[in-house]
Amino acid sequence: MLVLGIETATKTGGVALVGDRGVVAEYTSNIEVTHSERLMSLVDRMLKDTGIALAAVEGFAVSTGPGSFTGLRIGIATIKGISLATNKPIAAVPTLAALAWNLPHAAHAVCPLLDAKKKEVYAALYRLGRGELETVISETVLPLAELAARITEPVIFTGEGAQLFRQELQALFGSRALFAPLSATVPSAASVAELGRRAIMAGIRT
């Protein structure tokens, strides 16, 4: 099954195609234009470069937040329009889960963080093993100090919030705070597409 994924939850946006053999293509951009200006051009370029017609795509996946309200609205509206035009299924993928999926072989629990403003973060805690994503702490909004009180084990932080609050996290968690490489801290359309593909194949659709 070939699935097209869209990620627009943060300033870093992207599109990807994932099939039976893995990632076919992924285009990511972090530039000073809105998602509405670049999203469809990224989709068009990816399909042209891969030589894959939109009609050959069997399903769609979209990041559903948390994140930028405007970005998410654009991504969801775009994928709904394409789905209606092609009569293909959609899978909704939580942004934090997709971020955790960037670290599939992590030895420790993974905590994706996004800035929720007012000195709070969007957070969740996952374990990844044997190709599965286990939710330890469901998506929530809370201050960093409360997060530190809830997580007592070594943890890998990822997401834009991990970089934004790195010093605070190091002060609160000490040696328990580990950080994902920069390449894994941005939302990935390929992760969205892969998780969405799994959901569609399991019969879970939006």
N, C-alpha and C. Protein backbone atom coordinates (compact mmCIF):
# COMPACT_ATOMS: atom_id res chain seq x y z
N MET A 1 0.84 -1.20 0.00
CA MET A 1 0.00 0.00 0.00
C MET A 1 0.88 1.25 0.00
N LEU A 2 0.60 2.17 -0.90
CA LEU A 2 1.33 3.42 -1.01
C LEU A 2 0.53 4.54 -0.35
N VAL A 3 1.15 5.20 0.65
CA VAL A 3 0.46 6.23 1.43
C VAL A 3 1.23 7.54 1.32
N LEU A 4 0.49 8.62 1.13
CA LEU A 4 1.05 9.97 1.11
C LEU A 4 0.78 10.62 2.45
N GLY A 5 1.84 11.10 3.10
CA GLY A 5 1.71 11.74 4.41
C GLY A 5 2.02 13.22 4.33
N ILE A 6 1.31 14.00 5.14
CA ILE A 6 1.51 15.45 5.21
C ILE A 6 1.75 15.85 6.66
N GLU A 7 2.76 16.69 6.89
CA GLU A 7 3.09 17.19 8.22
C GLU A 7 3.14 18.72 8.18
N THR A 8 2.23 19.36 8.92
CA THR A 8 2.19 20.83 8.95
C THR A 8 1.97 21.36 10.36
N ALA A 9 2.32 20.58 11.38
CA ALA A 9 2.03 20.98 12.76
C ALA A 9 2.93 22.10 13.26
N THR A 10 4.12 22.23 12.66
CA THR A 10 5.06 23.26 13.08
C THR A 10 5.54 24.02 11.84
N LYS A 11 6.48 24.92 12.05
CA LYS A 11 7.04 25.68 10.93
C LYS A 11 7.70 24.75 9.92
N THR A 12 8.30 23.65 10.40
CA THR A 12 8.90 22.67 9.51
C THR A 12 7.80 21.80 8.93
N GLY A 13 7.57 21.92 7.64
CA GLY A 13 6.50 21.15 7.00
C GLY A 13 7.07 20.19 5.98
N GLY A 14 6.29 19.17 5.63
CA GLY A 14 6.79 18.22 4.66
C GLY A 14 5.73 17.30 4.13
N VAL A 15 6.10 16.57 3.08
CA VAL A 15 5.26 15.55 2.47
C VAL A 15 6.12 14.32 2.22
N ALA A 16 5.50 13.16 2.19
CA ALA A 16 6.27 11.93 1.98
C ALA A 16 5.38 10.87 1.36
N LEU A 17 6.03 9.95 0.66
CA LEU A 17 5.37 8.76 0.14
C LEU A 17 6.04 7.55 0.77
N VAL A 18 5.24 6.66 1.36
CA VAL A 18 5.75 5.45 1.99
C VAL A 18 4.99 4.25 1.43
N GLY A 19 5.73 3.23 1.03
CA GLY A 19 5.11 2.04 0.47
C GLY A 19 5.64 0.77 1.10
N ASP A 20 5.46 -0.34 0.42
CA ASP A 20 5.86 -1.65 0.94
C ASP A 20 7.35 -1.73 1.24
N ARG A 21 8.15 -1.02 0.46
CA ARG A 21 9.60 -1.10 0.63
C ARG A 21 10.17 0.05 1.46
N GLY A 22 9.30 0.83 2.07
CA GLY A 22 9.76 1.93 2.91
C GLY A 22 9.49 3.28 2.28
N VAL A 23 10.36 4.24 2.60
CA VAL A 23 10.17 5.62 2.13
C VAL A 23 10.53 5.72 0.65
N VAL A 24 9.57 6.14 -0.14
CA VAL A 24 9.80 6.35 -1.57
C VAL A 24 10.40 7.74 -1.78
N ALA A 25 9.85 8.73 -1.08
CA ALA A 25 10.34 10.10 -1.17
C ALA A 25 9.86 10.88 0.04
N GLU A 26 10.66 11.86 0.45
CA GLU A 26 10.25 12.78 1.51
C GLU A 26 10.85 14.15 1.22
N TYR A 27 9.98 15.15 1.22
CA TYR A 27 10.42 16.52 1.00
C TYR A 27 10.06 17.34 2.25
N THR A 28 11.05 18.00 2.82
CA THR A 28 10.86 18.78 4.04
C THR A 28 11.40 20.19 3.82
N SER A 29 10.70 21.18 4.35
CA SER A 29 11.19 22.56 4.23
C SER A 29 10.91 23.33 5.51
N ASN A 30 11.84 24.20 5.84
CA ASN A 30 11.70 25.09 7.00
C ASN A 30 12.10 26.48 6.53
N ILE A 31 11.19 27.13 5.80
CA ILE A 31 11.49 28.41 5.18
C ILE A 31 10.39 29.41 5.52
N GLU A 32 10.68 30.68 5.25
CA GLU A 32 9.78 31.74 5.67
C GLU A 32 8.61 31.93 4.71
N VAL A 33 7.87 30.88 4.47
CA VAL A 33 6.60 30.98 3.74
C VAL A 33 5.59 30.11 4.48
N THR A 34 4.32 30.38 4.27
CA THR A 34 3.29 29.62 4.97
C THR A 34 3.08 28.26 4.31
N HIS A 35 2.48 27.36 5.06
CA HIS A 35 2.17 26.03 4.51
C HIS A 35 1.22 26.14 3.32
N SER A 36 0.34 27.13 3.34
CA SER A 36 -0.60 27.27 2.22
C SER A 36 0.13 27.63 0.94
N GLU A 37 1.28 28.29 1.05
CA GLU A 37 2.05 28.69 -0.13
C GLU A 37 2.89 27.54 -0.70
N ARG A 38 3.29 26.59 0.15
CA ARG A 38 4.25 25.58 -0.32
C ARG A 38 3.71 24.16 -0.36
N LEU A 39 2.62 23.87 0.34
CA LEU A 39 2.21 22.48 0.53
C LEU A 39 1.90 21.77 -0.78
N MET A 40 0.99 22.31 -1.58
CA MET A 40 0.60 21.63 -2.81
C MET A 40 1.74 21.58 -3.82
N SER A 41 2.62 22.61 -3.79
CA SER A 41 3.76 22.58 -4.70
C SER A 41 4.72 21.47 -4.30
N LEU A 42 4.85 21.19 -3.00
CA LEU A 42 5.69 20.08 -2.54
C LEU A 42 5.09 18.74 -2.98
N VAL A 43 3.76 18.61 -2.84
CA VAL A 43 3.09 17.38 -3.26
C VAL A 43 3.28 17.17 -4.77
N ASP A 44 3.04 18.23 -5.55
CA ASP A 44 3.18 18.12 -7.00
C ASP A 44 4.60 17.75 -7.40
N ARG A 45 5.59 18.41 -6.77
CA ARG A 45 6.98 18.12 -7.11
C ARG A 45 7.36 16.69 -6.77
N MET A 46 6.91 16.22 -5.62
CA MET A 46 7.24 14.86 -5.20
C MET A 46 6.65 13.84 -6.17
N LEU A 47 5.40 14.02 -6.55
CA LEU A 47 4.76 13.08 -7.48
C LEU A 47 5.44 13.11 -8.85
N LYS A 48 5.80 14.31 -9.31
CA LYS A 48 6.48 14.41 -10.60
C LYS A 48 7.86 13.76 -10.55
N ASP A 49 8.60 14.02 -9.48
CA ASP A 49 9.96 13.48 -9.36
C ASP A 49 9.97 11.96 -9.25
N THR A 50 8.96 11.41 -8.61
CA THR A 50 8.90 9.95 -8.44
C THR A 50 8.21 9.26 -9.61
N GLY A 51 7.52 10.05 -10.43
CA GLY A 51 6.78 9.47 -11.55
C GLY A 51 5.55 8.71 -11.10
N ILE A 52 5.05 9.03 -9.91
CA ILE A 52 3.88 8.35 -9.36
C ILE A 52 2.65 9.24 -9.52
N ALA A 53 1.62 8.72 -10.12
CA ALA A 53 0.38 9.49 -10.28
C ALA A 53 -0.40 9.49 -8.97
N LEU A 54 -1.13 10.58 -8.73
CA LEU A 54 -1.94 10.66 -7.51
C LEU A 54 -2.93 9.50 -7.43
N ALA A 55 -3.40 9.05 -8.57
CA ALA A 55 -4.36 7.94 -8.60
C ALA A 55 -3.76 6.64 -8.09
N ALA A 56 -2.43 6.55 -8.11
CA ALA A 56 -1.76 5.33 -7.63
C ALA A 56 -1.60 5.31 -6.12
N VAL A 57 -1.80 6.46 -5.47
CA VAL A 57 -1.72 6.53 -4.00
C VAL A 57 -2.97 5.90 -3.41
N GLU A 58 -2.77 5.00 -2.46
CA GLU A 58 -3.90 4.22 -1.94
C GLU A 58 -4.47 4.73 -0.62
N GLY A 59 -3.79 5.69 -0.02
CA GLY A 59 -4.28 6.25 1.23
C GLY A 59 -3.49 7.48 1.61
N PHE A 60 -4.03 8.21 2.60
CA PHE A 60 -3.40 9.47 3.01
C PHE A 60 -3.29 9.51 4.53
N ALA A 61 -2.26 10.20 5.01
CA ALA A 61 -2.07 10.37 6.45
C ALA A 61 -1.74 11.83 6.72
N VAL A 62 -2.24 12.34 7.84
CA VAL A 62 -2.00 13.75 8.16
C VAL A 62 -1.75 13.90 9.66
N SER A 63 -0.80 14.76 9.98
CA SER A 63 -0.51 15.08 11.38
C SER A 63 -1.65 15.92 11.94
N THR A 64 -2.14 15.56 13.12
CA THR A 64 -3.33 16.22 13.68
C THR A 64 -3.05 17.03 14.95
N GLY A 65 -1.77 17.25 15.26
CA GLY A 65 -1.45 18.09 16.40
C GLY A 65 -1.10 17.28 17.64
N PRO A 66 -0.69 18.01 18.67
CA PRO A 66 -0.75 19.46 18.83
C PRO A 66 0.23 20.18 17.91
N GLY A 67 0.02 21.49 17.81
CA GLY A 67 0.88 22.30 16.97
C GLY A 67 0.18 23.58 16.59
N SER A 68 0.70 24.20 15.54
CA SER A 68 0.14 25.45 15.05
C SER A 68 -1.28 25.24 14.52
N PHE A 69 -2.23 26.00 15.04
CA PHE A 69 -3.62 25.85 14.60
C PHE A 69 -3.74 26.09 13.10
N THR A 70 -3.10 27.16 12.62
CA THR A 70 -3.20 27.48 11.20
C THR A 70 -2.55 26.40 10.35
N GLY A 71 -1.38 25.95 10.74
CA GLY A 71 -0.69 24.91 9.99
C GLY A 71 -1.48 23.62 9.94
N LEU A 72 -2.03 23.22 11.08
CA LEU A 72 -2.81 21.99 11.14
C LEU A 72 -4.08 22.11 10.29
N ARG A 73 -4.72 23.27 10.35
CA ARG A 73 -5.94 23.49 9.56
C ARG A 73 -5.63 23.34 8.07
N ILE A 74 -4.51 23.90 7.63
CA ILE A 74 -4.13 23.82 6.22
C ILE A 74 -3.85 22.38 5.82
N GLY A 75 -3.10 21.67 6.65
CA GLY A 75 -2.77 20.28 6.33
C GLY A 75 -3.98 19.39 6.28
N ILE A 76 -4.85 19.52 7.26
CA ILE A 76 -6.05 18.68 7.33
C ILE A 76 -7.01 19.00 6.19
N ALA A 77 -7.19 20.30 5.90
CA ALA A 77 -8.09 20.69 4.80
C ALA A 77 -7.56 20.18 3.47
N THR A 78 -6.24 20.25 3.29
CA THR A 78 -5.64 19.78 2.04
C THR A 78 -5.84 18.29 1.86
N ILE A 79 -5.56 17.53 2.89
CA ILE A 79 -5.66 16.07 2.77
C ILE A 79 -7.12 15.64 2.61
N LYS A 80 -8.05 16.35 3.25
CA LYS A 80 -9.47 16.03 3.07
C LYS A 80 -9.90 16.28 1.63
N GLY A 81 -9.42 17.38 1.05
CA GLY A 81 -9.78 17.69 -0.33
C GLY A 81 -9.25 16.64 -1.29
N ILE A 82 -7.99 16.23 -1.09
CA ILE A 82 -7.40 15.21 -1.97
C ILE A 82 -8.13 13.87 -1.79
N SER A 83 -8.46 13.56 -0.55
CA SER A 83 -9.15 12.30 -0.27
C SER A 83 -10.52 12.26 -0.93
N LEU A 84 -11.26 13.37 -0.86
CA LEU A 84 -12.57 13.42 -1.49
C LEU A 84 -12.46 13.27 -3.00
N ALA A 85 -11.42 13.90 -3.56
CA ALA A 85 -11.25 13.85 -5.02
C ALA A 85 -10.87 12.46 -5.51
N THR A 86 -10.17 11.71 -4.66
CA THR A 86 -9.68 10.39 -5.08
C THR A 86 -10.45 9.23 -4.47
N ASN A 87 -11.30 9.56 -3.46
CA ASN A 87 -12.07 8.53 -2.75
C ASN A 87 -11.15 7.49 -2.09
N LYS A 88 -10.08 7.99 -1.47
CA LYS A 88 -9.13 7.13 -0.77
C LYS A 88 -9.16 7.43 0.73
N PRO A 89 -8.84 6.47 1.60
CA PRO A 89 -8.95 6.67 3.05
C PRO A 89 -7.88 7.59 3.63
N ILE A 90 -8.21 8.15 4.80
CA ILE A 90 -7.29 9.02 5.55
C ILE A 90 -7.05 8.42 6.93
N ALA A 91 -5.82 8.53 7.42
CA ALA A 91 -5.51 8.20 8.81
C ALA A 91 -5.00 9.46 9.51
N ALA A 92 -5.53 9.73 10.70
CA ALA A 92 -5.08 10.85 11.52
C ALA A 92 -3.95 10.38 12.43
N VAL A 93 -2.85 11.10 12.44
CA VAL A 93 -1.67 10.69 13.20
C VAL A 93 -1.30 11.80 14.20
N PRO A 94 -1.29 11.50 15.51
CA PRO A 94 -0.88 12.51 16.49
C PRO A 94 0.56 12.97 16.24
N THR A 95 0.78 14.26 16.30
CA THR A 95 2.11 14.81 16.03
C THR A 95 3.16 14.27 16.98
N LEU A 96 2.84 14.14 18.26
CA LEU A 96 3.82 13.67 19.24
C LEU A 96 4.20 12.22 18.98
N ALA A 97 3.23 11.41 18.58
CA ALA A 97 3.54 10.01 18.25
C ALA A 97 4.47 9.93 17.05
N ALA A 98 4.23 10.78 16.04
CA ALA A 98 5.10 10.79 14.87
C ALA A 98 6.51 11.23 15.23
N LEU A 99 6.63 12.18 16.14
CA LEU A 99 7.95 12.60 16.60
C LEU A 99 8.68 11.46 17.30
N ALA A 100 7.98 10.72 18.13
CA ALA A 100 8.60 9.58 18.82
C ALA A 100 9.04 8.51 17.83
N TRP A 101 8.27 8.36 16.75
CA TRP A 101 8.57 7.34 15.74
C TRP A 101 9.88 7.65 15.00
N ASN A 102 10.38 8.89 15.11
CA ASN A 102 11.68 9.23 14.53
C ASN A 102 12.83 8.49 15.21
N LEU A 103 12.57 7.91 16.38
CA LEU A 103 13.61 7.22 17.16
C LEU A 103 13.17 5.78 17.42
N PRO A 104 13.07 4.96 16.39
CA PRO A 104 12.44 3.64 16.52
C PRO A 104 13.20 2.63 17.36
N HIS A 105 14.48 2.84 17.59
CA HIS A 105 15.27 1.85 18.34
C HIS A 105 15.84 2.45 19.62
N ALA A 106 15.12 3.42 20.17
CA ALA A 106 15.59 4.09 21.38
C ALA A 106 15.67 3.12 22.56
N ALA A 107 16.78 3.19 23.29
CA ALA A 107 16.96 2.31 24.45
C ALA A 107 16.14 2.77 25.65
N HIS A 108 15.77 4.05 25.66
CA HIS A 108 15.00 4.61 26.77
C HIS A 108 13.65 5.12 26.25
N ALA A 109 12.78 5.46 27.16
CA ALA A 109 11.51 6.06 26.79
C ALA A 109 11.76 7.39 26.08
N VAL A 110 10.85 7.74 25.17
CA VAL A 110 10.99 8.95 24.37
C VAL A 110 9.88 9.93 24.74
N CYS A 111 10.27 11.17 24.98
CA CYS A 111 9.31 12.21 25.36
C CYS A 111 9.36 13.36 24.35
N PRO A 112 8.44 13.41 23.39
CA PRO A 112 8.38 14.53 22.45
C PRO A 112 7.78 15.76 23.15
N LEU A 113 8.34 16.91 22.85
CA LEU A 113 7.87 18.16 23.47
C LEU A 113 7.64 19.22 22.40
N LEU A 114 6.52 19.93 22.53
CA LEU A 114 6.25 21.11 21.72
C LEU A 114 5.85 22.24 22.66
N ASP A 115 6.22 23.45 22.31
CA ASP A 115 5.93 24.61 23.15
C ASP A 115 4.43 24.89 23.16
N ALA A 116 3.83 24.93 24.35
CA ALA A 116 2.41 25.24 24.49
C ALA A 116 2.20 26.68 24.98
N LYS A 117 3.31 27.44 25.07
CA LYS A 117 3.28 28.82 25.56
C LYS A 117 2.96 28.85 27.06
N LYS A 118 3.03 30.02 27.64
CA LYS A 118 2.75 30.23 29.06
C LYS A 118 3.56 29.28 29.95
N LYS A 119 4.81 29.00 29.52
CA LYS A 119 5.74 28.16 30.28
C LYS A 119 5.24 26.72 30.46
N GLU A 120 4.46 26.26 29.48
CA GLU A 120 4.00 24.87 29.49
C GLU A 120 4.39 24.19 28.18
N VAL A 121 4.32 22.86 28.18
CA VAL A 121 4.66 22.10 26.98
C VAL A 121 3.57 21.07 26.68
N TYR A 122 3.42 20.75 25.39
CA TYR A 122 2.67 19.57 24.99
C TYR A 122 3.65 18.41 25.12
N ALA A 123 3.24 17.35 25.79
CA ALA A 123 4.16 16.24 26.02
C ALA A 123 3.41 14.92 26.04
N ALA A 124 4.15 13.85 25.78
CA ALA A 124 3.68 12.48 25.93
C ALA A 124 4.92 11.63 26.14
N LEU A 125 4.74 10.41 26.59
CA LEU A 125 5.88 9.51 26.80
C LEU A 125 5.59 8.18 26.13
N TYR A 126 6.56 7.71 25.35
CA TYR A 126 6.40 6.47 24.58
C TYR A 126 7.58 5.54 24.79
N ARG A 127 7.31 4.25 24.65
CA ARG A 127 8.38 3.26 24.52
C ARG A 127 8.28 2.65 23.13
N LEU A 128 9.44 2.41 22.54
CA LEU A 128 9.47 1.85 21.20
C LEU A 128 10.25 0.55 21.23
N GLY A 129 9.61 -0.49 20.76
CA GLY A 129 10.27 -1.78 20.73
C GLY A 129 9.54 -2.75 19.83
N ARG A 130 10.30 -3.60 19.14
CA ARG A 130 9.73 -4.60 18.24
C ARG A 130 8.79 -3.98 17.21
N GLY A 131 9.14 -2.78 16.78
CA GLY A 131 8.34 -2.13 15.74
C GLY A 131 7.02 -1.59 16.20
N GLU A 132 6.84 -1.44 17.51
CA GLU A 132 5.57 -0.94 18.05
C GLU A 132 5.81 0.31 18.90
N LEU A 133 4.77 1.12 19.00
CA LEU A 133 4.81 2.35 19.78
C LEU A 133 3.86 2.22 20.95
N GLU A 134 4.40 2.16 22.17
CA GLU A 134 3.58 2.00 23.38
C GLU A 134 3.47 3.34 24.10
N THR A 135 2.24 3.76 24.37
CA THR A 135 2.02 5.01 25.08
C THR A 135 2.14 4.77 26.59
N VAL A 136 3.07 5.46 27.22
CA VAL A 136 3.27 5.36 28.67
C VAL A 136 2.51 6.50 29.37
N ILE A 137 2.66 7.70 28.85
CA ILE A 137 1.90 8.87 29.33
C ILE A 137 1.20 9.48 28.13
N SER A 138 -0.11 9.56 28.17
CA SER A 138 -0.87 10.10 27.05
C SER A 138 -0.60 11.59 26.88
N GLU A 139 -0.90 12.07 25.69
CA GLU A 139 -0.68 13.48 25.36
C GLU A 139 -1.31 14.39 26.41
N THR A 140 -0.54 15.38 26.87
CA THR A 140 -1.00 16.27 27.90
C THR A 140 -0.33 17.63 27.76
N VAL A 141 -0.80 18.62 28.51
CA VAL A 141 -0.18 19.94 28.59
C VAL A 141 0.15 20.20 30.06
N LEU A 142 1.40 20.56 30.33
CA LEU A 142 1.80 20.75 31.71
C LEU A 142 3.10 21.53 31.81
N PRO A 143 3.40 22.10 32.99
CA PRO A 143 4.68 22.79 33.19
C PRO A 143 5.82 21.76 33.24
N LEU A 144 7.03 22.20 32.94
CA LEU A 144 8.18 21.31 32.93
C LEU A 144 8.42 20.67 34.30
N ALA A 145 8.21 21.43 35.37
CA ALA A 145 8.44 20.89 36.71
C ALA A 145 7.51 19.72 36.99
N GLU A 146 6.26 19.81 36.53
CA GLU A 146 5.32 18.71 36.73
C GLU A 146 5.71 17.50 35.88
N LEU A 147 6.23 17.76 34.69
CA LEU A 147 6.70 16.67 33.84
C LEU A 147 7.85 15.93 34.53
N ALA A 148 8.75 16.68 35.14
CA ALA A 148 9.88 16.07 35.84
C ALA A 148 9.43 15.22 37.02
N ALA A 149 8.34 15.62 37.64
CA ALA A 149 7.82 14.85 38.77
C ALA A 149 7.18 13.54 38.32
N ARG A 150 6.68 13.52 37.08
CA ARG A 150 5.98 12.33 36.57
C ARG A 150 6.93 11.32 35.93
N ILE A 151 8.08 11.78 35.48
CA ILE A 151 9.04 10.88 34.81
C ILE A 151 10.28 10.74 35.68
N THR A 152 10.48 9.56 36.22
CA THR A 152 11.58 9.35 37.15
C THR A 152 12.73 8.54 36.56
N GLU A 153 12.60 8.13 35.31
CA GLU A 153 13.60 7.30 34.66
C GLU A 153 14.37 8.12 33.63
N PRO A 154 15.49 7.62 33.10
CA PRO A 154 16.16 8.30 31.99
C PRO A 154 15.23 8.41 30.80
N VAL A 155 15.28 9.52 30.11
CA VAL A 155 14.33 9.77 29.04
C VAL A 155 15.02 10.54 27.92
N ILE A 156 14.62 10.23 26.68
CA ILE A 156 15.15 10.94 25.51
C ILE A 156 14.13 11.99 25.09
N PHE A 157 14.54 13.25 25.13
CA PHE A 157 13.65 14.33 24.72
C PHE A 157 13.86 14.63 23.23
N THR A 158 12.76 14.90 22.55
CA THR A 158 12.82 15.25 21.14
C THR A 158 11.74 16.30 20.85
N GLY A 159 11.72 16.80 19.65
CA GLY A 159 10.76 17.84 19.31
C GLY A 159 11.36 19.22 19.54
N GLU A 160 10.70 20.23 18.97
CA GLU A 160 11.21 21.59 19.08
C GLU A 160 11.30 22.07 20.53
N GLY A 161 10.40 21.57 21.37
CA GLY A 161 10.43 21.94 22.78
C GLY A 161 11.67 21.44 23.49
N ALA A 162 12.23 20.33 23.03
CA ALA A 162 13.44 19.78 23.65
C ALA A 162 14.61 20.73 23.48
N GLN A 163 14.67 21.38 22.31
CA GLN A 163 15.74 22.35 22.07
C GLN A 163 15.45 23.67 22.74
N LEU A 164 14.21 24.09 22.70
CA LEU A 164 13.83 25.38 23.29
C LEU A 164 14.04 25.39 24.81
N PHE A 165 13.75 24.27 25.46
CA PHE A 165 13.84 24.20 26.93
C PHE A 165 14.98 23.29 27.40
N ARG A 166 16.01 23.15 26.60
CA ARG A 166 17.10 22.23 26.93
C ARG A 166 17.73 22.53 28.29
N GLN A 167 18.03 23.77 28.56
CA GLN A 167 18.67 24.13 29.83
C GLN A 167 17.76 23.82 31.01
N GLU A 168 16.49 24.15 30.90
CA GLU A 168 15.55 23.88 31.98
C GLU A 168 15.41 22.37 32.22
N LEU A 169 15.36 21.60 31.14
CA LEU A 169 15.25 20.15 31.27
C LEU A 169 16.49 19.56 31.93
N GLN A 170 17.65 20.04 31.57
CA GLN A 170 18.89 19.56 32.19
C GLN A 170 18.91 19.88 33.67
N ALA A 171 18.40 21.05 34.04
CA ALA A 171 18.36 21.43 35.46
C ALA A 171 17.37 20.56 36.24
N LEU A 172 16.24 20.24 35.64
CA LEU A 172 15.20 19.47 36.32
C LEU A 172 15.50 17.97 36.35
N PHE A 173 16.03 17.43 35.26
CA PHE A 173 16.23 15.99 35.13
C PHE A 173 17.65 15.53 35.41
N GLY A 174 18.60 16.46 35.37
CA GLY A 174 19.99 16.09 35.61
C GLY A 174 20.47 15.08 34.58
N SER A 175 21.14 14.04 35.05
CA SER A 175 21.71 13.02 34.15
C SER A 175 20.63 12.15 33.49
N ARG A 176 19.39 12.25 33.96
CA ARG A 176 18.30 11.47 33.34
C ARG A 176 17.87 12.05 32.00
N ALA A 177 18.27 13.30 31.71
CA ALA A 177 17.86 13.97 30.48
C ALA A 177 18.81 13.65 29.34
N LEU A 178 18.29 12.99 28.33
CA LEU A 178 19.04 12.71 27.11
C LEU A 178 18.32 13.41 25.96
N PHE A 179 19.06 13.73 24.91
CA PHE A 179 18.46 14.53 23.84
C PHE A 179 18.69 13.89 22.47
N ALA A 180 17.65 13.85 21.68
CA ALA A 180 17.73 13.31 20.32
C ALA A 180 18.59 14.21 19.46
N PRO A 181 19.23 13.66 18.42
CA PRO A 181 19.98 14.52 17.49
C PRO A 181 19.03 15.49 16.79
N LEU A 182 19.58 16.60 16.34
CA LEU A 182 18.75 17.64 15.73
C LEU A 182 17.92 17.10 14.57
N SER A 183 18.47 16.18 13.80
CA SER A 183 17.75 15.65 12.64
C SER A 183 16.48 14.90 13.02
N ALA A 184 16.41 14.44 14.27
CA ALA A 184 15.24 13.68 14.72
C ALA A 184 14.25 14.53 15.51
N THR A 185 14.57 15.81 15.73
CA THR A 185 13.71 16.63 16.57
C THR A 185 12.62 17.35 15.79
N VAL A 186 12.69 17.32 14.47
CA VAL A 186 11.66 17.98 13.66
C VAL A 186 10.63 16.96 13.21
N PRO A 187 9.37 17.34 13.12
CA PRO A 187 8.34 16.42 12.65
C PRO A 187 8.66 15.90 11.26
N SER A 188 8.42 14.61 11.04
CA SER A 188 8.74 13.96 9.76
C SER A 188 7.47 13.49 9.07
N ALA A 189 7.30 13.93 7.83
CA ALA A 189 6.14 13.46 7.05
C ALA A 189 6.23 11.97 6.78
N ALA A 190 7.46 11.44 6.70
CA ALA A 190 7.63 10.00 6.49
C ALA A 190 7.13 9.21 7.69
N SER A 191 7.39 9.72 8.90
CA SER A 191 6.88 9.07 10.11
C SER A 191 5.36 9.12 10.14
N VAL A 192 4.79 10.26 9.76
CA VAL A 192 3.33 10.40 9.68
C VAL A 192 2.77 9.40 8.67
N ALA A 193 3.41 9.30 7.51
CA ALA A 193 2.93 8.39 6.47
C ALA A 193 3.02 6.93 6.91
N GLU A 194 4.13 6.57 7.58
CA GLU A 194 4.30 5.19 8.00
C GLU A 194 3.29 4.80 9.07
N LEU A 195 3.11 5.67 10.07
CA LEU A 195 2.11 5.37 11.11
C LEU A 195 0.70 5.36 10.52
N GLY A 196 0.44 6.28 9.59
CA GLY A 196 -0.87 6.30 8.95
C GLY A 196 -1.11 5.06 8.11
N ARG A 197 -0.07 4.60 7.43
CA ARG A 197 -0.17 3.39 6.62
C ARG A 197 -0.51 2.19 7.49
N ARG A 198 0.14 2.10 8.65
CA ARG A 198 -0.14 1.00 9.58
C ARG A 198 -1.60 1.05 10.02
N ALA A 199 -2.07 2.25 10.34
CA ALA A 199 -3.46 2.40 10.79
C ALA A 199 -4.45 2.01 9.71
N ILE A 200 -4.22 2.47 8.49
CA ILE A 200 -5.14 2.15 7.38
C ILE A 200 -5.17 0.65 7.12
N MET A 201 -3.99 0.03 7.15
CA MET A 201 -3.93 -1.41 6.91
C MET A 201 -4.59 -2.21 8.03
N ALA A 202 -4.64 -1.60 9.23
CA ALA A 202 -5.31 -2.25 10.36
C ALA A 202 -6.80 -1.93 10.40
N GLY A 203 -7.26 -1.13 9.42
CA GLY A 203 -8.67 -0.80 9.36
C GLY A 203 -9.06 0.41 10.18
N ILE A 204 -8.05 1.17 10.70
CA ILE A 204 -8.34 2.37 11.50
C ILE A 204 -8.26 3.57 10.59
N ARG A 205 -9.38 4.18 10.31
CA ARG A 205 -9.44 5.29 9.36
C ARG A 205 -10.25 6.42 9.93
N THR A 206 -10.00 7.63 9.40
CA THR A 206 -10.72 8.81 9.86
C THR A 206 -11.98 9.03 9.04
